[in-house]
């Protein structure tokens, strides 16, 4: 059995307490794996989507081609704009986060990335966001784009956020991790 680790460090105290009060396991919970093992009961009942608990989504087919260019929005309301992807798969753009623990006002931040230009159109990609305009942190995202002929394009991503800390003993709290699902805007 595999386990999915849910970082309590990435959750604000209030969110962690609310999750605990709702009966969520904060440290580890069984994760469903492709070999057909069962998901935990709460997860299986909450959704018909075994890979992204709590999110009901369309299942993309492998017939469509994914195009990263354009505006995308995630479930938290953060938006990003990806400029044209060149022949090598490189791209740049801007990330407009909806959430931050920084004391300064949020500002759009530059992103730069690269994607595999796969023939089936279900590309993997990665990009870095430098929050230099309002924070001393940097984030890296990796993910895959899923597209179908009729269904919407979906970007499934995982990310690491590194915050600047004052000393090596504080290093333990400097990196957060999470996942986001982006859909194409308008």
Protein backbone atom coordinates (compact mmCIF):
# COMPACT_ATOMS: atom_id res chain seq x y z
CA UNK A 1 0.00 0.00 0.00
CA UNK A 2 1.28 3.48 -0.79
CA UNK A 3 0.71 6.58 1.36
CA UNK A 4 0.11 10.14 0.40
CA UNK A 5 1.75 12.60 2.81
CA UNK A 6 -0.25 15.70 3.66
CA UNK A 7 2.06 18.37 4.97
CA UNK A 8 0.74 20.12 8.04
CA UNK A 9 3.49 22.70 7.54
CA UNK A 10 1.84 23.80 4.30
CA UNK A 11 -1.46 24.43 6.06
CA UNK A 12 -2.20 27.49 8.14
CA UNK A 13 -3.01 26.56 11.73
CA UNK A 14 -6.71 27.33 11.25
CA UNK A 15 -6.97 25.11 8.18
CA UNK A 16 -5.15 22.27 9.93
CA UNK A 17 -7.49 22.49 12.93
CA UNK A 18 -10.55 22.66 10.66
CA UNK A 19 -9.36 19.60 8.74
CA UNK A 20 -8.78 17.71 11.98
CA UNK A 21 -12.23 18.71 13.27
CA UNK A 22 -13.77 17.44 10.03
CA UNK A 23 -12.14 14.07 10.60
CA UNK A 24 -9.37 14.37 7.99
CA UNK A 25 -6.12 12.60 8.62
CA UNK A 26 -3.37 15.20 8.54
CA UNK A 27 -0.23 13.10 8.46
CA UNK A 28 -0.86 10.12 6.21
CA UNK A 29 -3.77 8.52 4.51
CA UNK A 30 -3.91 5.54 2.17
CA UNK A 31 -3.73 6.59 -1.47
CA UNK A 32 -5.28 4.64 -4.29
CA UNK A 33 -2.77 3.33 -6.78
CA UNK A 34 -3.25 2.21 -10.39
CA UNK A 35 -3.15 -1.53 -9.61
CA UNK A 36 -6.77 -1.39 -8.52
CA UNK A 37 -6.36 -1.32 -4.74
CA UNK A 38 -9.25 0.31 -2.89
CA UNK A 39 -9.20 3.94 -1.79
CA UNK A 40 -10.02 4.75 1.81
CA UNK A 41 -13.79 4.65 2.39
CA UNK A 42 -14.26 8.40 2.91
CA UNK A 43 -12.41 9.20 -0.34
CA UNK A 44 -14.29 6.63 -2.40
CA UNK A 45 -17.69 7.88 -1.18
CA UNK A 46 -16.87 11.59 -1.57
CA UNK A 47 -16.18 11.51 -5.29
CA UNK A 48 -16.25 9.43 -8.42
CA UNK A 49 -12.73 10.62 -9.20
CA UNK A 50 -10.13 8.22 -7.81
CA UNK A 51 -7.05 10.32 -8.68
CA UNK A 52 -8.02 13.78 -7.38
CA UNK A 53 -10.13 13.32 -4.26
CA UNK A 54 -12.99 15.75 -3.79
CA UNK A 55 -12.88 17.00 -7.39
CA UNK A 56 -15.47 15.87 -9.84
CA UNK A 57 -13.95 16.33 -13.28
CA UNK A 58 -14.39 15.32 -16.87
CA UNK A 59 -12.15 12.52 -18.07
CA UNK A 60 -10.09 13.80 -20.99
CA UNK A 61 -9.53 11.48 -23.92
CA UNK A 62 -6.19 11.00 -25.64
CA UNK A 63 -7.53 12.25 -28.99
CA UNK A 64 -7.04 15.97 -28.37
CA UNK A 65 -3.89 18.07 -28.32
CA UNK A 66 -3.07 20.29 -25.38
CA UNK A 67 -1.94 23.85 -25.97
CA UNK A 68 -0.45 25.62 -22.94
CA UNK A 69 -0.69 29.08 -24.53
CA UNK A 70 -3.33 31.33 -22.97
CA UNK A 71 -4.98 32.06 -19.61
CA UNK A 72 -5.47 29.39 -16.92
CA UNK A 73 -7.14 29.46 -13.49
CA UNK A 74 -6.84 27.07 -10.55
CA UNK A 75 -9.28 26.12 -7.80
CA UNK A 76 -7.92 28.86 -5.50
CA UNK A 77 -8.53 31.62 -8.05
CA UNK A 78 -4.87 32.05 -9.04
CA UNK A 79 -4.42 32.80 -12.74
CA UNK A 80 -1.52 32.47 -15.12
CA UNK A 81 -0.89 33.55 -18.66
CA UNK A 82 1.40 31.42 -20.82
CA UNK A 83 2.87 33.18 -23.85
CA UNK A 84 3.47 31.33 -27.10
CA UNK A 85 5.36 28.07 -26.74
CA UNK A 86 8.35 28.02 -29.13
CA UNK A 87 9.49 25.09 -31.32
CA UNK A 88 11.75 23.84 -28.51
CA UNK A 89 8.87 23.81 -25.96
CA UNK A 90 10.07 26.88 -24.04
CA UNK A 91 7.59 29.44 -22.77
CA UNK A 92 7.26 32.41 -20.46
CA UNK A 93 4.39 34.31 -18.96
CA UNK A 94 2.96 35.81 -15.82
CA UNK A 95 1.47 34.28 -12.67
CA UNK A 96 -1.24 36.13 -10.70
CA UNK A 97 -1.49 34.36 -7.34
CA UNK A 98 -4.67 34.67 -5.30
CA UNK A 99 -2.99 33.54 -2.07
CA UNK A 100 0.10 34.68 -0.20
CA UNK A 101 1.54 34.87 3.29
CA UNK A 102 3.76 37.82 2.31
CA UNK A 103 3.23 41.14 4.05
CA UNK A 104 3.48 43.17 0.83
CA UNK A 105 0.55 43.43 -1.61
CA UNK A 106 0.42 40.65 -4.21
CA UNK A 107 1.69 41.56 -7.68
CA UNK A 108 1.82 39.54 -10.93
CA UNK A 109 5.08 37.59 -11.11
CA UNK A 110 7.14 36.28 -14.04
CA UNK A 111 7.12 32.60 -14.94
CA UNK A 112 9.45 30.69 -17.26
CA UNK A 113 9.12 27.08 -18.28
CA UNK A 114 9.48 24.25 -20.72
CA UNK A 115 7.26 21.45 -21.98
CA UNK A 116 7.70 18.21 -23.87
CA UNK A 117 6.17 18.49 -27.33
CA UNK A 118 4.66 14.99 -27.40
CA UNK A 119 2.88 13.69 -30.47
CA UNK A 120 -0.19 12.65 -28.47
CA UNK A 121 -0.60 16.18 -27.08
CA UNK A 122 -0.72 15.12 -23.42
CA UNK A 123 2.46 17.02 -22.59
CA UNK A 124 4.39 17.19 -19.35
CA UNK A 125 5.79 20.58 -18.38
CA UNK A 126 7.49 22.54 -15.66
CA UNK A 127 7.87 26.21 -14.79
CA UNK A 128 9.37 28.47 -12.16
CA UNK A 129 7.68 31.52 -10.66
CA UNK A 130 9.87 34.17 -9.06
CA UNK A 131 7.78 36.14 -6.56
CA UNK A 132 10.48 38.87 -6.45
CA UNK A 133 8.03 41.76 -6.71
CA UNK A 134 6.45 41.11 -3.28
CA UNK A 135 8.20 38.16 -1.60
CA UNK A 136 11.55 36.45 -1.06
CA UNK A 137 10.23 33.11 -2.28
CA UNK A 138 10.35 31.04 -5.46
CA UNK A 139 8.01 28.28 -6.63
CA UNK A 140 8.46 25.45 -9.11
CA UNK A 141 5.52 23.67 -10.72
CA UNK A 142 5.53 20.37 -12.63
CA UNK A 143 2.55 18.83 -14.29
CA UNK A 144 0.80 17.32 -17.23
CA UNK A 145 -1.79 18.70 -19.60
CA UNK A 146 -4.77 16.51 -20.46
CA UNK A 147 -6.94 17.35 -23.45
CA UNK A 148 -9.82 15.74 -25.29
CA UNK A 149 -11.74 16.48 -28.46
CA UNK A 150 -14.86 17.64 -26.61
CA UNK A 151 -13.73 18.00 -23.01
CA UNK A 152 -11.86 20.92 -21.47
CA UNK A 153 -8.09 21.00 -21.15
CA UNK A 154 -6.86 20.35 -17.62
CA UNK A 155 -3.44 21.02 -16.13
CA UNK A 156 -2.69 18.77 -13.14
CA UNK A 157 0.26 20.25 -11.22
CA UNK A 158 2.37 19.70 -8.13
CA UNK A 159 4.48 22.48 -6.68
CA UNK A 160 7.24 23.34 -4.23
CA UNK A 161 7.45 26.80 -2.69
CA UNK A 162 10.74 27.85 -1.09
CA UNK A 163 10.64 30.78 1.32
CA UNK A 164 13.74 32.61 2.46
CA UNK A 165 14.63 31.94 6.12
CA UNK A 166 17.10 33.74 8.38
CA UNK A 167 19.26 30.78 9.42
CA UNK A 168 20.05 27.11 8.82
CA UNK A 169 18.15 25.99 11.96
CA UNK A 170 15.01 27.49 10.34
CA UNK A 171 15.52 25.52 7.11
CA UNK A 172 12.99 22.88 8.19
CA UNK A 173 10.08 25.28 7.68
CA UNK A 174 11.21 26.88 4.42
CA UNK A 175 9.65 24.53 1.83
CA UNK A 176 5.96 23.93 1.23
CA UNK A 177 4.35 21.55 -1.21
CA UNK A 178 0.95 21.25 -2.82
CA UNK A 179 -1.14 20.45 -5.88
CA UNK A 180 -3.32 22.56 -8.13
CA UNK A 181 -5.66 21.84 -11.02
CA UNK A 182 -5.87 24.52 -13.70
CA UNK A 183 -8.58 24.92 -16.33
CA UNK A 184 -8.55 27.20 -19.33
CA UNK A 185 -10.24 30.57 -18.79
CA UNK A 186 -12.93 31.77 -21.18
